[in-house]
Amino acid sequence: MSDQFFDYPYLNAEDVFSPPAWAKDTVGYQIFPERYARGGSPGW
């Protein structure tokens, strides 16, 4: 049934993410604490 219709994706301008002005010249970091965990150490 779905092959009988044409799928035309459309994106509204309001749905496009725009970062705030203060974020224009910034650098963002994502930290993964589990990558720094010592294997076999108590408490990890």
N, C-alpha and C. Protein backbone atom coordinates (compact mmCIF):
# COMPACT_ATOMS: atom_id res chain seq x y z
N MET A 1 0.82 -1.20 0.00
CA MET A 1 0.00 0.00 0.00
C MET A 1 0.87 1.26 0.00
N SER A 2 1.99 1.25 0.74
CA SER A 2 2.81 2.46 0.83
C SER A 2 3.53 2.78 -0.47
N ASP A 3 3.69 1.81 -1.36
CA ASP A 3 4.37 2.08 -2.63
C ASP A 3 3.46 2.79 -3.63
N GLN A 4 2.23 3.05 -3.26
CA GLN A 4 1.29 3.73 -4.15
C GLN A 4 1.28 5.23 -3.93
N PHE A 5 2.06 5.71 -2.97
CA PHE A 5 2.05 7.13 -2.65
C PHE A 5 3.45 7.70 -2.76
N PHE A 6 3.52 8.98 -3.08
CA PHE A 6 4.79 9.68 -3.18
C PHE A 6 5.07 10.34 -1.83
N ASP A 7 6.23 10.08 -1.26
CA ASP A 7 6.60 10.66 0.02
C ASP A 7 7.47 11.89 -0.24
N TYR A 8 6.99 13.05 0.16
CA TYR A 8 7.71 14.29 -0.03
C TYR A 8 8.03 14.87 1.34
N PRO A 9 9.26 14.70 1.83
CA PRO A 9 9.59 15.25 3.14
C PRO A 9 9.63 16.78 3.10
N TYR A 10 9.12 17.39 4.12
CA TYR A 10 9.08 18.85 4.19
C TYR A 10 9.49 19.28 5.58
N LEU A 11 10.31 20.27 5.69
CA LEU A 11 10.77 20.78 6.97
C LEU A 11 10.36 22.24 7.09
N ASN A 12 9.60 22.54 8.13
CA ASN A 12 9.18 23.92 8.37
C ASN A 12 10.36 24.73 8.88
N ALA A 13 10.40 25.98 8.52
CA ALA A 13 11.49 26.85 8.96
C ALA A 13 11.51 26.98 10.49
N GLU A 14 10.34 26.89 11.12
CA GLU A 14 10.26 26.99 12.58
C GLU A 14 10.86 25.77 13.26
N ASP A 15 10.96 24.66 12.55
CA ASP A 15 11.49 23.43 13.14
C ASP A 15 13.01 23.33 13.07
N VAL A 16 13.65 24.23 12.37
CA VAL A 16 15.11 24.21 12.24
C VAL A 16 15.72 24.85 13.49
N PHE A 17 16.68 24.15 14.11
CA PHE A 17 17.31 24.66 15.32
C PHE A 17 18.25 25.80 14.99
N SER A 18 18.12 26.89 15.72
CA SER A 18 19.03 28.02 15.59
C SER A 18 19.68 28.26 16.95
N PRO A 19 20.99 28.15 17.04
CA PRO A 19 21.64 28.39 18.34
C PRO A 19 21.51 29.85 18.73
N PRO A 20 21.54 30.15 20.03
CA PRO A 20 21.46 31.54 20.48
C PRO A 20 22.70 32.32 20.04
N ALA A 21 22.56 33.63 20.00
CA ALA A 21 23.65 34.48 19.53
C ALA A 21 24.92 34.32 20.37
N TRP A 22 24.77 34.11 21.70
CA TRP A 22 25.94 34.01 22.56
C TRP A 22 26.75 32.75 22.27
N ALA A 23 26.18 31.78 21.60
CA ALA A 23 26.88 30.52 21.32
C ALA A 23 27.61 30.52 19.98
N LYS A 24 27.61 31.64 19.30
CA LYS A 24 28.19 31.71 17.96
C LYS A 24 29.67 31.35 17.93
N ASP A 25 30.46 31.92 18.80
CA ASP A 25 31.92 31.71 18.78
C ASP A 25 32.41 30.88 19.96
N THR A 26 31.58 29.99 20.46
CA THR A 26 31.97 29.17 21.60
C THR A 26 32.39 27.78 21.15
N VAL A 27 33.05 27.08 22.06
CA VAL A 27 33.46 25.70 21.83
C VAL A 27 32.76 24.85 22.88
N GLY A 28 32.13 23.77 22.45
CA GLY A 28 31.43 22.90 23.38
C GLY A 28 32.19 21.59 23.54
N TYR A 29 32.18 21.07 24.76
CA TYR A 29 32.85 19.81 25.05
C TYR A 29 31.83 18.83 25.62
N GLN A 30 32.00 17.58 25.30
CA GLN A 30 31.18 16.53 25.87
C GLN A 30 32.12 15.57 26.59
N ILE A 31 31.93 15.42 27.89
CA ILE A 31 32.81 14.61 28.72
C ILE A 31 32.17 13.25 28.96
N PHE A 32 32.95 12.19 28.83
CA PHE A 32 32.50 10.83 29.07
C PHE A 32 33.26 10.29 30.28
N PRO A 33 32.74 10.46 31.51
CA PRO A 33 33.48 10.03 32.71
C PRO A 33 33.83 8.55 32.72
N GLU A 34 33.02 7.70 32.13
CA GLU A 34 33.32 6.27 32.17
C GLU A 34 34.58 5.93 31.38
N ARG A 35 35.02 6.80 30.51
CA ARG A 35 36.24 6.54 29.76
C ARG A 35 37.48 6.77 30.61
N TYR A 36 37.32 7.47 31.73
CA TYR A 36 38.45 7.74 32.60
C TYR A 36 38.45 6.84 33.83
N ALA A 37 37.48 5.94 33.93
CA ALA A 37 37.38 5.05 35.08
C ALA A 37 38.51 4.03 35.06
N ARG A 38 39.07 3.77 36.22
CA ARG A 38 40.11 2.75 36.34
C ARG A 38 39.44 1.40 36.47
N GLY A 39 39.77 0.50 35.62
CA GLY A 39 39.18 -0.83 35.67
C GLY A 39 39.60 -1.58 36.91
N GLY A 40 38.65 -2.22 37.58
CA GLY A 40 38.94 -3.02 38.75
C GLY A 40 39.11 -2.23 40.04
N SER A 41 39.02 -0.91 39.99
CA SER A 41 39.15 -0.12 41.21
C SER A 41 37.85 -0.14 41.99
N PRO A 42 37.94 -0.20 43.32
CA PRO A 42 36.70 -0.15 44.11
C PRO A 42 35.99 1.20 43.94
N GLY A 43 34.71 1.15 43.88
CA GLY A 43 33.94 2.38 43.74
C GLY A 43 33.66 2.78 42.31
N TRP A 44 34.22 2.07 41.37
CA TRP A 44 33.94 2.40 39.96
C TRP A 44 33.01 1.40 39.42
